Amino acid sequence: MSILIFDSGIGGLSILRELRLSLPQARLVYVADDAGFPYGDWEEGALTTRVLSLFDRLIPTHRPDLCVIACNTATTIAIDALRQCFPATPFVGTVPAIKPAAERTASGLFSILATPGTVNRTYTQDLIARFATECDVNLVGAPDLAMLAERYLRGAPVDDDILRAQIAPSFIERNGKRTDIIVLGCTHYPFLANRMRKLAPWPVDWLDPAEAIAHHARTVMAVKRLLSDTEPDLAFFTSGNPDPVIASLVRSFGLSPQMDDGFIPSA
């Protein structure tokens, strides 16, 4: 049994970590489209074309039993097209955890901290309309937070003042109530959660969707025979040449980085 995890960068490692706990018998193949990072800068049609082109190669090469799109932007833009193009392969996407936030908030006021692209998507607005009509939802598009998380994971310094400025709009006081939950709407953000917690003006629940995504993946896989796979867990990068810091990082997650540039879509 194998699971392919796809992200624009290395933020999806937060999902991989939970998948390994939830489905320990699965072989994991991680694919980072680092040559296309960040996805927030892409026009929707061009990004859909790129993702489909990548999966045209990934599906026949790895024959995954399940694909997890560990990226909010790629999910909201391309997952419907992926399901249409590859109907035999199940896909699990990543969307902001709006329903759990609406169920858990005590103040009725919570924020969605995500990339500008994710907060502006109709998909996100539809989730709010379906699950959070009784709540006061504050949408915060952080333009640089995913990039800061990538820097942090690479061991580069991240200035507290810059990080504080990115998260500050998430904290709202309105009609005697305060934000009590912040939904992490990008898989990169959990890696900065401890830093953000220390910089927060008051305590909040930082809602990481990784555990729920892993649980959903296990539910999808329940219809299959969960046979153990002894093949090694691998990581591929569309740049074909991850730097030594990233190679070391993915090894720390139990992945063997592959130096292979065969996943860049044709022009």
C-alpha atoms as a PDB file:
ATOM      1  CA  MET A   1       0.000   0.000   0.000  1.00  0.00           C
ATOM      2  CA  SER A   2       1.420   3.371  -0.963  1.00  0.00           C
ATOM      3  CA  ILE A   3       0.368   6.968  -0.404  1.00  0.00           C
ATOM      4  CA  LEU A   4       1.630   9.853  -2.520  1.00  0.00           C
ATOM      5  CA  ILE A   5       1.777  13.192  -0.675  1.00  0.00           C
ATOM      6  CA  PHE A   6       2.006  16.282  -2.854  1.00  0.00           C
ATOM      7  CA  ASP A   7       2.781  19.864  -1.867  1.00  0.00           C
ATOM      8  CA  SER A   8       4.259  22.989  -3.378  1.00  0.00           C
ATOM      9  CA  GLY A   9       7.161  22.801  -0.919  1.00  0.00           C
ATOM     10  CA  ILE A  10       8.026  21.122   2.359  1.00  0.00           C
ATOM     11  CA  GLY A  11       5.028  22.245   4.408  1.00  0.00           C
ATOM     12  CA  GLY A  12       3.269  18.974   3.603  1.00  0.00           C
ATOM     13  CA  LEU A  13       5.731  17.203   5.883  1.00  0.00           C
ATOM     14  CA  SER A  14       3.322  18.198   8.679  1.00  0.00           C
ATOM     15  CA  ILE A  15       0.699  15.990   6.983  1.00  0.00           C
ATOM     16  CA  LEU A  16       3.200  13.203   6.317  1.00  0.00           C
ATOM     17  CA  ARG A  17       4.050  13.087  10.023  1.00  0.00           C
ATOM     18  CA  GLU A  18       0.407  12.397  10.929  1.00  0.00           C
ATOM     19  CA  LEU A  19      -0.096   9.934   8.076  1.00  0.00           C
ATOM     20  CA  ARG A  20       2.793   7.840   9.339  1.00  0.00           C
ATOM     21  CA  LEU A  21       1.110   7.631  12.741  1.00  0.00           C
ATOM     22  CA  SER A  22      -2.317   6.873  11.295  1.00  0.00           C
ATOM     23  CA  LEU A  23      -1.214   4.421   8.577  1.00  0.00           C
ATOM     24  CA  PRO A  24       2.128   2.985   9.736  1.00  0.00           C
ATOM     25  CA  GLN A  25       2.000   0.125   7.232  1.00  0.00           C
ATOM     26  CA  ALA A  26       1.887   2.440   4.213  1.00  0.00           C
ATOM     27  CA  ARG A  27       4.793   3.352   2.004  1.00  0.00           C
ATOM     28  CA  LEU A  28       4.984   7.145   1.679  1.00  0.00           C
ATOM     29  CA  VAL A  29       6.176   8.996  -1.421  1.00  0.00           C
ATOM     30  CA  TYR A  30       6.531  12.742  -0.924  1.00  0.00           C
ATOM     31  CA  VAL A  31       6.618  15.058  -3.949  1.00  0.00           C
ATOM     32  CA  ALA A  32       7.494  18.728  -3.504  1.00  0.00           C
ATOM     33  CA  ASP A  33       6.946  21.035  -6.456  1.00  0.00           C
ATOM     34  CA  ASP A  34       9.714  23.307  -5.268  1.00  0.00           C
ATOM     35  CA  ALA A  35      10.315  24.498  -8.835  1.00  0.00           C
ATOM     36  CA  GLY A  36       6.810  25.994  -8.756  1.00  0.00           C
ATOM     37  CA  PHE A  37       6.829  27.325  -5.179  1.00  0.00           C
ATOM     38  CA  PRO A  38       5.016  29.452  -4.028  1.00  0.00           C
ATOM     39  CA  TYR A  39       1.662  28.473  -5.512  1.00  0.00           C
ATOM     40  CA  GLY A  40       0.008  31.672  -4.302  1.00  0.00           C
ATOM     41  CA  ASP A  41       1.732  33.568  -7.120  1.00  0.00           C
ATOM     42  CA  TRP A  42       0.189  31.407  -9.870  1.00  0.00           C
ATOM     43  CA  GLU A  43      -2.852  32.172 -12.023  1.00  0.00           C
ATOM     44  CA  GLU A  44      -5.500  29.495 -11.429  1.00  0.00           C
ATOM     45  CA  GLY A  45      -5.616  28.039 -14.940  1.00  0.00           C
ATOM     46  CA  ALA A  46      -1.839  27.835 -15.230  1.00  0.00           C
ATOM     47  CA  LEU A  47      -1.529  26.161 -11.844  1.00  0.00           C
ATOM     48  CA  THR A  48      -4.187  23.573 -12.684  1.00  0.00           C
ATOM     49  CA  THR A  49      -2.367  22.776 -15.923  1.00  0.00           C
ATOM     50  CA  ARG A  50       0.923  22.385 -14.070  1.00  0.00           C
ATOM     51  CA  VAL A  51      -0.486  20.108 -11.372  1.00  0.00           C
ATOM     52  CA  LEU A  52      -2.271  17.898 -13.906  1.00  0.00           C
ATOM     53  CA  SER A  53       0.918  17.640 -15.953  1.00  0.00           C
ATOM     54  CA  LEU A  54       2.849  16.520 -12.891  1.00  0.00           C
ATOM     55  CA  PHE A  55       0.273  13.877 -12.011  1.00  0.00           C
ATOM     56  CA  ASP A  56       0.275  12.601 -15.595  1.00  0.00           C
ATOM     57  CA  ARG A  57       3.763  11.351 -14.693  1.00  0.00           C
ATOM     58  CA  LEU A  58       3.377  10.654 -10.999  1.00  0.00           C
ATOM     59  CA  ILE A  59       0.363   8.328 -11.195  1.00  0.00           C
ATOM     60  CA  PRO A  60       1.811   5.806 -13.685  1.00  0.00           C
ATOM     61  CA  THR A  61       5.258   6.002 -12.110  1.00  0.00           C
ATOM     62  CA  HIS A  62       4.250   5.344  -8.499  1.00  0.00           C
ATOM     63  CA  ARG A  63       0.775   3.774  -8.866  1.00  0.00           C
ATOM     64  CA  PRO A  64      -0.359   5.131  -5.480  1.00  0.00           C
ATOM     65  CA  ASP A  65      -3.336   3.671  -3.648  1.00  0.00           C
ATOM     66  CA  LEU A  66      -4.132   7.181  -2.428  1.00  0.00           C
ATOM     67  CA  CYS A  67      -2.966  10.721  -3.199  1.00  0.00           C
ATOM     68  CA  VAL A  68      -3.003  13.385  -0.491  1.00  0.00           C
ATOM     69  CA  ILE A  69      -2.863  16.961  -1.758  1.00  0.00           C
ATOM     70  CA  ALA A  70      -1.106  18.518   1.245  1.00  0.00           C
ATOM     71  CA  CYS A  71      -1.614  22.084   0.064  1.00  0.00           C
ATOM     72  CA  ASN A  72      -4.662  24.306   0.533  1.00  0.00           C
ATOM     73  CA  THR A  73      -4.084  26.269  -2.671  1.00  0.00           C
ATOM     74  CA  ALA A  74      -3.598  23.196  -4.864  1.00  0.00           C
ATOM     75  CA  THR A  75      -6.650  21.562  -3.295  1.00  0.00           C
ATOM     76  CA  THR A  76      -9.017  24.476  -3.806  1.00  0.00           C
ATOM     77  CA  ILE A  77      -7.846  25.031  -7.383  1.00  0.00           C
ATOM     78  CA  ALA A  78      -7.031  21.612  -8.819  1.00  0.00           C
ATOM     79  CA  ILE A  79      -8.494  18.706  -6.832  1.00  0.00           C
ATOM     80  CA  ASP A  80     -11.733  18.525  -8.830  1.00  0.00           C
ATOM     81  CA  ALA A  81      -9.744  18.385 -12.065  1.00  0.00           C
ATOM     82  CA  LEU A  82      -7.454  15.707 -10.608  1.00  0.00           C
ATOM     83  CA  ARG A  83     -10.419  13.539  -9.626  1.00  0.00           C
ATOM     84  CA  GLN A  84     -11.880  13.899 -13.108  1.00  0.00           C
ATOM     85  CA  CYS A  85      -8.609  13.069 -14.864  1.00  0.00           C
ATOM     86  CA  PHE A  86      -7.665  10.155 -12.590  1.00  0.00           C
ATOM     87  CA  PRO A  87     -10.977   8.579 -11.514  1.00  0.00           C
ATOM     88  CA  ALA A  88      -9.351   5.310 -10.448  1.00  0.00           C
ATOM     89  CA  THR A  89      -7.171   7.038  -7.848  1.00  0.00           C
ATOM     90  CA  PRO A  90      -8.691   8.439  -4.650  1.00  0.00           C
ATOM     91  CA  PHE A  91      -7.624  11.949  -3.663  1.00  0.00           C
ATOM     92  CA  VAL A  92      -7.767  13.537  -0.206  1.00  0.00           C
ATOM     93  CA  GLY A  93      -7.385  17.305  -0.133  1.00  0.00           C
ATOM     94  CA  THR A  94      -6.448  19.917   2.443  1.00  0.00           C
ATOM     95  CA  VAL A  95      -8.867  22.721   3.234  1.00  0.00           C
ATOM     96  CA  PRO A  96      -9.083  25.130   6.173  1.00  0.00           C
ATOM     97  CA  ALA A  97     -10.538  23.438   9.275  1.00  0.00           C
ATOM     98  CA  ILE A  98     -13.569  25.732   9.366  1.00  0.00           C
ATOM     99  CA  LYS A  99     -16.114  23.175  10.545  1.00  0.00           C
ATOM    100  CA  PRO A 100     -14.048  22.058  13.602  1.00  0.00           C
ATOM    101  CA  ALA A 101     -13.334  25.697  14.459  1.00  0.00           C
ATOM    102  CA  ALA A 102     -17.038  26.567  14.334  1.00  0.00           C
ATOM    103  CA  GLU A 103     -17.818  23.605  16.578  1.00  0.00           C
ATOM    104  CA  ARG A 104     -15.115  24.416  19.137  1.00  0.00           C
ATOM    105  CA  THR A 105     -15.129  28.209  19.430  1.00  0.00           C
ATOM    106  CA  ALA A 106     -16.425  29.513  22.739  1.00  0.00           C
ATOM    107  CA  SER A 107     -16.432  33.195  21.810  1.00  0.00           C
ATOM    108  CA  GLY A 108     -17.918  32.681  18.352  1.00  0.00           C
ATOM    109  CA  LEU A 109     -15.014  34.654  16.913  1.00  0.00           C
ATOM    110  CA  PHE A 110     -12.250  32.811  15.101  1.00  0.00           C
ATOM    111  CA  SER A 111      -9.697  33.598  12.405  1.00  0.00           C
ATOM    112  CA  ILE A 112      -8.530  31.744   9.335  1.00  0.00           C
ATOM    113  CA  LEU A 113      -4.846  32.412   8.792  1.00  0.00           C
ATOM    114  CA  ALA A 114      -3.878  31.387   5.273  1.00  0.00           C
ATOM    115  CA  THR A 115      -2.267  32.552   2.064  1.00  0.00           C
ATOM    116  CA  PRO A 116      -4.042  35.432   0.269  1.00  0.00           C
ATOM    117  CA  GLY A 117      -5.002  32.988  -2.473  1.00  0.00           C
ATOM    118  CA  THR A 118      -6.710  30.600  -0.063  1.00  0.00           C
ATOM    119  CA  VAL A 119      -8.708  33.259   1.804  1.00  0.00           C
ATOM    120  CA  ASN A 120      -9.934  34.711  -1.502  1.00  0.00           C
ATOM    121  CA  ARG A 121     -11.077  31.402  -2.977  1.00  0.00           C
ATOM    122  CA  THR A 122     -14.789  30.762  -3.465  1.00  0.00           C
ATOM    123  CA  TYR A 123     -14.105  27.327  -1.956  1.00  0.00           C
ATOM    124  CA  THR A 124     -13.217  28.942   1.384  1.00  0.00           C
ATOM    125  CA  GLN A 125     -16.258  31.196   1.297  1.00  0.00           C
ATOM    126  CA  ASP A 126     -18.461  28.173   0.617  1.00  0.00           C
ATOM    127  CA  LEU A 127     -17.040  26.345   3.655  1.00  0.00           C
ATOM    128  CA  ILE A 128     -17.844  29.362   5.846  1.00  0.00           C
ATOM    129  CA  ALA A 129     -21.384  29.508   4.433  1.00  0.00           C
ATOM    130  CA  ARG A 130     -21.880  25.785   5.094  1.00  0.00           C
ATOM    131  CA  PHE A 131     -20.383  25.452   8.552  1.00  0.00           C
ATOM    132  CA  ALA A 132     -19.860  28.834  10.239  1.00  0.00           C
ATOM    133  CA  THR A 133     -22.880  31.016   9.581  1.00  0.00           C
ATOM    134  CA  GLU A 134     -23.383  31.526  13.323  1.00  0.00           C
ATOM    135  CA  CYS A 135     -19.770  32.634  13.849  1.00  0.00           C
ATOM    136  CA  ASP A 136     -17.817  35.811  13.270  1.00  0.00           C
ATOM    137  CA  VAL A 137     -15.068  34.612  10.913  1.00  0.00           C
ATOM    138  CA  ASN A 138     -12.023  36.791  10.357  1.00  0.00           C
ATOM    139  CA  LEU A 139     -10.135  36.007   7.134  1.00  0.00           C
ATOM    140  CA  VAL A 140      -6.420  36.840   7.229  1.00  0.00           C
ATOM    141  CA  GLY A 141      -4.269  36.496   4.129  1.00  0.00           C
ATOM    142  CA  ALA A 142      -0.635  36.385   5.262  1.00  0.00           C
ATOM    143  CA  PRO A 143       1.490  37.169   2.203  1.00  0.00           C
ATOM    144  CA  ASP A 144       4.838  35.970   3.527  1.00  0.00           C
ATOM    145  CA  LEU A 145       4.124  33.366   6.206  1.00  0.00           C
ATOM    146  CA  ALA A 146       4.611  30.275   4.027  1.00  0.00           C
ATOM    147  CA  MET A 147       7.943  31.623   2.843  1.00  0.00           C
ATOM    148  CA  LEU A 148       8.965  32.370   6.441  1.00  0.00           C
ATOM    149  CA  ALA A 149       8.095  28.789   7.391  1.00  0.00           C
ATOM    150  CA  GLU A 150      10.267  27.486   4.556  1.00  0.00           C
ATOM    151  CA  ARG A 151      13.103  29.673   5.784  1.00  0.00           C
ATOM    152  CA  TYR A 152      12.619  28.437   9.333  1.00  0.00           C
ATOM    153  CA  LEU A 153      12.680  24.798   8.228  1.00  0.00           C
ATOM    154  CA  ARG A 154      15.908  25.486   6.353  1.00  0.00           C
ATOM    155  CA  GLY A 155      17.465  26.757   9.578  1.00  0.00           C
ATOM    156  CA  ALA A 156      17.477  30.412   8.527  1.00  0.00           C
ATOM    157  CA  PRO A 157      16.587  33.078  11.123  1.00  0.00           C
ATOM    158  CA  VAL A 158      13.025  34.411  11.210  1.00  0.00           C
ATOM    159  CA  ASP A 159      12.673  37.829  12.824  1.00  0.00           C
ATOM    160  CA  ASP A 160      10.093  38.003  15.624  1.00  0.00           C
ATOM    161  CA  ASP A 161       8.813  41.408  14.519  1.00  0.00           C
ATOM    162  CA  ILE A 162       8.202  40.199  10.964  1.00  0.00           C
ATOM    163  CA  LEU A 163       6.450  37.073  12.204  1.00  0.00           C
ATOM    164  CA  ARG A 164       4.377  39.089  14.687  1.00  0.00           C
ATOM    165  CA  ALA A 165       3.227  41.395  11.881  1.00  0.00           C
ATOM    166  CA  GLN A 166       2.056  38.423   9.818  1.00  0.00           C
ATOM    167  CA  ILE A 167      -0.142  37.005  12.588  1.00  0.00           C
ATOM    168  CA  ALA A 168      -1.310  40.265  14.248  1.00  0.00           C
ATOM    169  CA  PRO A 169      -4.479  40.698  12.105  1.00  0.00           C
ATOM    170  CA  SER A 170      -5.676  37.298  13.350  1.00  0.00           C
ATOM    171  CA  PHE A 171      -6.268  38.670  16.845  1.00  0.00           C
ATOM    172  CA  ILE A 172      -9.536  40.582  17.031  1.00  0.00           C
ATOM    173  CA  GLU A 173     -11.474  42.072  19.923  1.00  0.00           C
ATOM    174  CA  ARG A 174     -15.061  42.845  18.995  1.00  0.00           C
ATOM    175  CA  ASN A 175     -18.222  43.436  21.066  1.00  0.00           C
ATOM    176  CA  GLY A 176     -16.499  42.256  24.217  1.00  0.00           C
ATOM    177  CA  LYS A 177     -15.261  39.052  22.583  1.00  0.00           C
ATOM    178  CA  ARG A 178     -11.823  37.908  21.519  1.00  0.00           C
ATOM    179  CA  THR A 179     -10.505  35.544  18.908  1.00  0.00           C
ATOM    180  CA  ASP A 180     -10.143  32.166  20.612  1.00  0.00           C
ATOM    181  CA  ILE A 181      -9.198  29.919  17.647  1.00  0.00           C
ATOM    182  CA  ILE A 182      -6.874  30.484  14.713  1.00  0.00           C
ATOM    183  CA  VAL A 183      -7.252  28.024  11.862  1.00  0.00           C
ATOM    184  CA  LEU A 184      -3.899  27.275  10.242  1.00  0.00           C
ATOM    185  CA  GLY A 185      -4.860  27.394   6.574  1.00  0.00           C
ATOM    186  CA  CYS A 186      -1.510  26.351   5.126  1.00  0.00           C
ATOM    187  CA  THR A 187       0.437  23.161   5.802  1.00  0.00           C
ATOM    188  CA  HIS A 188       3.618  25.195   6.287  1.00  0.00           C
ATOM    189  CA  TYR A 189       2.249  27.069   9.283  1.00  0.00           C
ATOM    190  CA  PRO A 190       2.294  24.306  11.945  1.00  0.00           C
ATOM    191  CA  PHE A 191       6.088  24.359  11.863  1.00  0.00           C
ATOM    192  CA  LEU A 192       5.947  27.937  13.159  1.00  0.00           C
ATOM    193  CA  ALA A 193       3.175  27.267  15.684  1.00  0.00           C
ATOM    194  CA  ASN A 194       5.425  27.343  18.755  1.00  0.00           C
ATOM    195  CA  ARG A 195       6.973  30.633  17.651  1.00  0.00           C
ATOM    196  CA  MET A 196       3.562  32.124  16.920  1.00  0.00           C
ATOM    197  CA  ARG A 197       2.241  30.932  20.277  1.00  0.00           C
ATOM    198  CA  LYS A 198       4.976  32.859  22.082  1.00  0.00           C
ATOM    199  CA  LEU A 199       4.302  36.029  20.069  1.00  0.00           C
ATOM    200  CA  ALA A 200       0.503  35.936  20.448  1.00  0.00           C
ATOM    201  CA  PRO A 201      -1.066  38.813  22.440  1.00  0.00           C
ATOM    202  CA  TRP A 202      -3.315  36.279  24.222  1.00  0.00           C
ATOM    203  CA  PRO A 203      -3.675  32.471  24.249  1.00  0.00           C
ATOM    204  CA  VAL A 204      -5.662  30.881  21.421  1.00  0.00           C
ATOM    205  CA  ASP A 205      -6.159  27.383  20.042  1.00  0.00           C
ATOM    206  CA  TRP A 206      -4.033  27.001  16.901  1.00  0.00           C
ATOM    207  CA  LEU A 207      -6.025  24.518  14.816  1.00  0.00           C
ATOM    208  CA  ASP A 208      -3.796  22.258  12.713  1.00  0.00           C
ATOM    209  CA  PRO A 209      -5.771  20.157  10.177  1.00  0.00           C
ATOM    210  CA  ALA A 210      -3.065  17.475   9.801  1.00  0.00           C
ATOM    211  CA  GLU A 211      -4.589  14.982  12.231  1.00  0.00           C
ATOM    212  CA  ALA A 212      -8.039  15.273  10.645  1.00  0.00           C
ATOM    213  CA  ILE A 213      -6.563  14.796   7.163  1.00  0.00           C
ATOM    214  CA  ALA A 214      -4.714  11.669   8.286  1.00  0.00           C
ATOM    215  CA  HIS A 215      -7.927  10.330   9.832  1.00  0.00           C
ATOM    216  CA  HIS A 216      -9.794  10.999   6.572  1.00  0.00           C
ATOM    217  CA  ALA A 217      -7.055   9.214   4.631  1.00  0.00           C
ATOM    218  CA  ARG A 218      -7.385   6.188   6.895  1.00  0.00           C
ATOM    219  CA  THR A 219     -11.152   6.187   6.342  1.00  0.00           C
ATOM    220  CA  VAL A 220     -10.674   6.281   2.564  1.00  0.00           C
ATOM    221  CA  MET A 221      -8.130   3.478   2.743  1.00  0.00           C
ATOM    222  CA  ALA A 222     -10.437   1.323   4.879  1.00  0.00           C
ATOM    223  CA  VAL A 223     -12.007  -0.065   1.696  1.00  0.00           C
ATOM    224  CA  LYS A 224      -8.618  -1.458   0.627  1.00  0.00           C
ATOM    225  CA  ARG A 225      -6.559  -4.268   2.074  1.00  0.00           C
ATOM    226  CA  LEU A 226      -4.024  -2.504   4.287  1.00  0.00           C
ATOM    227  CA  LEU A 227      -1.023  -4.620   3.415  1.00  0.00           C
ATOM    228  CA  SER A 228       2.357  -3.532   4.718  1.00  0.00           C
ATOM    229  CA  ASP A 229       4.783  -2.169   2.142  1.00  0.00           C
ATOM    230  CA  THR A 230       8.480  -2.781   2.691  1.00  0.00           C
ATOM    231  CA  GLU A 231       9.708  -0.372   0.015  1.00  0.00           C
ATOM    232  CA  PRO A 232      11.527   2.714   1.367  1.00  0.00           C
ATOM    233  CA  ASP A 233       9.771   6.059   1.809  1.00  0.00           C
ATOM    234  CA  LEU A 234      11.015   8.519  -0.824  1.00  0.00           C
ATOM    235  CA  ALA A 235      11.007  12.256  -1.467  1.00  0.00           C
ATOM    236  CA  PHE A 236      11.120  13.834  -4.926  1.00  0.00           C
ATOM    237  CA  PHE A 237      11.617  17.492  -5.854  1.00  0.00           C
ATOM    238  CA  THR A 238      10.592  19.001  -9.173  1.00  0.00           C
ATOM    239  CA  SER A 239      13.753  21.111  -9.141  1.00  0.00           C
ATOM    240  CA  GLY A 240      15.665  17.829  -9.191  1.00  0.00           C
ATOM    241  CA  ASN A 241      18.253  19.280  -6.844  1.00  0.00           C
ATOM    242  CA  PRO A 242      17.192  19.970  -3.243  1.00  0.00           C
ATOM    243  CA  ASP A 243      19.837  21.806  -1.278  1.00  0.00           C
ATOM    244  CA  PRO A 244      21.708  19.879   1.450  1.00  0.00           C
ATOM    245  CA  VAL A 245      19.648  21.459   4.240  1.00  0.00           C
ATOM    246  CA  ILE A 246      16.366  20.271   2.723  1.00  0.00           C
ATOM    247  CA  ALA A 247      17.836  16.855   1.935  1.00  0.00           C
ATOM    248  CA  SER A 248      18.840  16.549   5.580  1.00  0.00           C
ATOM    249  CA  LEU A 249      15.397  17.716   6.709  1.00  0.00           C
ATOM    250  CA  VAL A 250      13.484  15.129   4.703  1.00  0.00           C
ATOM    251  CA  ARG A 251      15.828  12.424   5.975  1.00  0.00           C
ATOM    252  CA  SER A 252      14.870  13.441   9.509  1.00  0.00           C
ATOM    253  CA  PHE A 253      11.264  12.641   8.499  1.00  0.00           C
ATOM    254  CA  GLY A 254      12.316   9.153   7.404  1.00  0.00           C
ATOM    255  CA  LEU A 255      12.420   9.922   3.679  1.00  0.00           C
ATOM    256  CA  SER A 256      15.179   9.211   1.196  1.00  0.00           C
ATOM    257  CA  PRO A 257      15.610  12.280  -1.076  1.00  0.00           C
ATOM    258  CA  GLN A 258      15.883  11.437  -4.764  1.00  0.00           C
ATOM    259  CA  MET A 259      17.918  13.565  -7.148  1.00  0.00           C
ATOM    260  CA  ASP A 260      15.545  13.363 -10.109  1.00  0.00           C
ATOM    261  CA  ASP A 261      14.343  16.169 -12.348  1.00  0.00           C
ATOM    262  CA  GLY A 262      11.817  14.047 -14.225  1.00  0.00           C
ATOM    263  CA  PHE A 263       8.773  15.661 -12.651  1.00  0.00           C
ATOM    264  CA  ILE A 264       8.967  19.096 -14.246  1.00  0.00           C
ATOM    265  CA  PRO A 265       6.043  19.476 -16.679  1.00  0.00           C
ATOM    266  CA  SER A 266       6.828  20.043 -20.306  1.00  0.00           C
ATOM    267  CA  ALA A 267       6.404  23.610 -21.524  1.00  0.00           C
END
